[in-house]
């Protein structure tokens, strides 16, 4: 399944800045960064569950949040882009 992962991490503190770096690193292991805090991911149900667990371990849920948007089909069928885009396309499942 294709999933869009968006996050907003409070970076007003040093610990928030560290959380942001950790969240980004986790997401990089599951998908392609298309904006600073936005990733397109092709995941199995198990991958999505594992991603959520990894992120929950890092987040401060009082000030941070992550959203997951599932696509019924391929994310490329729903995507429209204006301006430049240097982002690669999602291919076959590449999380293992």
C-alpha atoms as a PDB file:
ATOM      1  CA  UNK A   1       0.000   0.000   0.000  1.00  0.00           C
ATOM      2  CA  UNK A   2       1.144   3.558  -0.608  1.00  0.00           C
ATOM      3  CA  UNK A   3       1.225   5.808   2.446  1.00  0.00           C
ATOM      4  CA  UNK A   4       2.013   9.485   2.836  1.00  0.00           C
ATOM      5  CA  UNK A   5       3.694  10.243   6.182  1.00  0.00           C
ATOM      6  CA  UNK A   6       3.671  13.846   7.411  1.00  0.00           C
ATOM      7  CA  UNK A   7       5.067  15.042  10.703  1.00  0.00           C
ATOM      8  CA  UNK A   8       5.373  18.175  12.790  1.00  0.00           C
ATOM      9  CA  UNK A   9       7.952  18.015  15.566  1.00  0.00           C
ATOM     10  CA  UNK A  10       8.364  20.806  18.129  1.00  0.00           C
ATOM     11  CA  UNK A  11      11.947  22.001  17.684  1.00  0.00           C
ATOM     12  CA  UNK A  12      11.951  24.830  20.224  1.00  0.00           C
ATOM     13  CA  UNK A  13      14.181  22.752  22.498  1.00  0.00           C
ATOM     14  CA  UNK A  14      17.368  20.773  21.964  1.00  0.00           C
ATOM     15  CA  UNK A  15      15.510  17.560  22.693  1.00  0.00           C
ATOM     16  CA  UNK A  16      12.928  18.507  20.049  1.00  0.00           C
ATOM     17  CA  UNK A  17      15.678  19.075  17.510  1.00  0.00           C
ATOM     18  CA  UNK A  18      17.069  15.625  18.309  1.00  0.00           C
ATOM     19  CA  UNK A  19      13.595  14.086  17.981  1.00  0.00           C
ATOM     20  CA  UNK A  20      13.184  15.732  14.578  1.00  0.00           C
ATOM     21  CA  UNK A  21      16.451  14.215  13.364  1.00  0.00           C
ATOM     22  CA  UNK A  22      15.467  10.791  14.690  1.00  0.00           C
ATOM     23  CA  UNK A  23      11.979  10.928  13.140  1.00  0.00           C
ATOM     24  CA  UNK A  24      13.453  11.931   9.773  1.00  0.00           C
ATOM     25  CA  UNK A  25      16.015   9.111   9.955  1.00  0.00           C
ATOM     26  CA  UNK A  26      13.301   6.561  10.737  1.00  0.00           C
ATOM     27  CA  UNK A  27      11.123   7.763   7.854  1.00  0.00           C
ATOM     28  CA  UNK A  28      14.084   7.685   5.464  1.00  0.00           C
ATOM     29  CA  UNK A  29      14.264   3.953   6.128  1.00  0.00           C
ATOM     30  CA  UNK A  30      10.703   3.481   4.904  1.00  0.00           C
ATOM     31  CA  UNK A  31      10.140   5.918   2.061  1.00  0.00           C
ATOM     32  CA  UNK A  32      11.200   8.767  -0.158  1.00  0.00           C
ATOM     33  CA  UNK A  33      11.386  12.307   1.210  1.00  0.00           C
ATOM     34  CA  UNK A  34       9.265  14.566  -1.006  1.00  0.00           C
ATOM     35  CA  UNK A  35       9.249  17.626   1.273  1.00  0.00           C
ATOM     36  CA  UNK A  36      11.114  18.409   4.491  1.00  0.00           C
ATOM     37  CA  UNK A  37       8.586  16.613   6.701  1.00  0.00           C
ATOM     38  CA  UNK A  38       6.738  14.542   4.128  1.00  0.00           C
ATOM     39  CA  UNK A  39       7.510  11.031   2.894  1.00  0.00           C
ATOM     40  CA  UNK A  40       5.915   8.819   0.254  1.00  0.00           C
ATOM     41  CA  UNK A  41       6.175   5.187   1.338  1.00  0.00           C
ATOM     42  CA  UNK A  42       5.254   1.847  -0.187  1.00  0.00           C
ATOM     43  CA  UNK A  43       4.615  -0.448   2.786  1.00  0.00           C
ATOM     44  CA  UNK A  44       3.109  -3.731   3.811  1.00  0.00           C
ATOM     45  CA  UNK A  45       0.734  -3.755   6.794  1.00  0.00           C
ATOM     46  CA  UNK A  46       3.602  -5.144   8.898  1.00  0.00           C
ATOM     47  CA  UNK A  47       5.953  -2.362   7.725  1.00  0.00           C
ATOM     48  CA  UNK A  48       3.379   0.289   8.616  1.00  0.00           C
ATOM     49  CA  UNK A  49       2.872  -1.211  12.062  1.00  0.00           C
ATOM     50  CA  UNK A  50       6.653  -1.309  12.628  1.00  0.00           C
ATOM     51  CA  UNK A  51       7.030   2.301  11.437  1.00  0.00           C
ATOM     52  CA  UNK A  52       4.351   3.467  13.866  1.00  0.00           C
ATOM     53  CA  UNK A  53       6.024   1.655  16.774  1.00  0.00           C
ATOM     54  CA  UNK A  54       9.427   3.139  15.925  1.00  0.00           C
ATOM     55  CA  UNK A  55       7.965   6.636  15.743  1.00  0.00           C
ATOM     56  CA  UNK A  56       5.966   6.254  18.971  1.00  0.00           C
ATOM     57  CA  UNK A  57       9.213   5.449  20.777  1.00  0.00           C
ATOM     58  CA  UNK A  58      10.679   8.806  19.674  1.00  0.00           C
ATOM     59  CA  UNK A  59       7.753  11.251  19.758  1.00  0.00           C
ATOM     60  CA  UNK A  60       6.750  13.538  22.583  1.00  0.00           C
ATOM     61  CA  UNK A  61       3.011  13.171  22.021  1.00  0.00           C
ATOM     62  CA  UNK A  62       2.297  16.314  24.044  1.00  0.00           C
ATOM     63  CA  UNK A  63       3.923  18.526  21.372  1.00  0.00           C
ATOM     64  CA  UNK A  64       4.647  16.378  18.275  1.00  0.00           C
ATOM     65  CA  UNK A  65       2.388  14.627  15.810  1.00  0.00           C
ATOM     66  CA  UNK A  66       2.572  12.356  12.791  1.00  0.00           C
ATOM     67  CA  UNK A  67      -0.150  11.722  10.213  1.00  0.00           C
ATOM     68  CA  UNK A  68      -0.476   8.724   7.916  1.00  0.00           C
ATOM     69  CA  UNK A  69      -2.517   8.954   4.717  1.00  0.00           C
ATOM     70  CA  UNK A  70      -3.235   5.669   2.934  1.00  0.00           C
ATOM     71  CA  UNK A  71      -3.913   5.584  -0.783  1.00  0.00           C
ATOM     72  CA  UNK A  72      -6.342   3.061  -2.220  1.00  0.00           C
ATOM     73  CA  UNK A  73      -4.135   2.761  -5.294  1.00  0.00           C
ATOM     74  CA  UNK A  74      -0.747   3.996  -6.339  1.00  0.00           C
ATOM     75  CA  UNK A  75       0.230   7.372  -4.855  1.00  0.00           C
ATOM     76  CA  UNK A  76       1.365   8.487  -8.329  1.00  0.00           C
ATOM     77  CA  UNK A  77      -2.253   8.307  -9.486  1.00  0.00           C
ATOM     78  CA  UNK A  78      -3.191  10.899  -6.837  1.00  0.00           C
ATOM     79  CA  UNK A  79      -0.127  13.151  -7.042  1.00  0.00           C
ATOM     80  CA  UNK A  80      -0.010  16.442  -8.886  1.00  0.00           C
ATOM     81  CA  UNK A  81       3.141  18.566  -8.800  1.00  0.00           C
ATOM     82  CA  UNK A  82       3.749  22.228  -9.571  1.00  0.00           C
ATOM     83  CA  UNK A  83       7.305  23.477  -9.899  1.00  0.00           C
ATOM     84  CA  UNK A  84      10.487  21.480  -9.801  1.00  0.00           C
ATOM     85  CA  UNK A  85      10.646  17.984  -8.440  1.00  0.00           C
ATOM     86  CA  UNK A  86      13.829  16.030  -7.923  1.00  0.00           C
ATOM     87  CA  UNK A  87      12.063  13.204  -6.121  1.00  0.00           C
ATOM     88  CA  UNK A  88      12.380   9.625  -7.312  1.00  0.00           C
ATOM     89  CA  UNK A  89       9.288   7.600  -8.008  1.00  0.00           C
ATOM     90  CA  UNK A  90       8.222   4.787  -5.714  1.00  0.00           C
ATOM     91  CA  UNK A  91       8.969   1.452  -7.278  1.00  0.00           C
ATOM     92  CA  UNK A  92       8.419  -2.061  -6.008  1.00  0.00           C
ATOM     93  CA  UNK A  93       8.461  -2.663  -2.263  1.00  0.00           C
ATOM     94  CA  UNK A  94      11.909  -1.764  -1.066  1.00  0.00           C
ATOM     95  CA  UNK A  95      11.532  -1.996   2.711  1.00  0.00           C
ATOM     96  CA  UNK A  96      12.822  -5.318   3.946  1.00  0.00           C
END
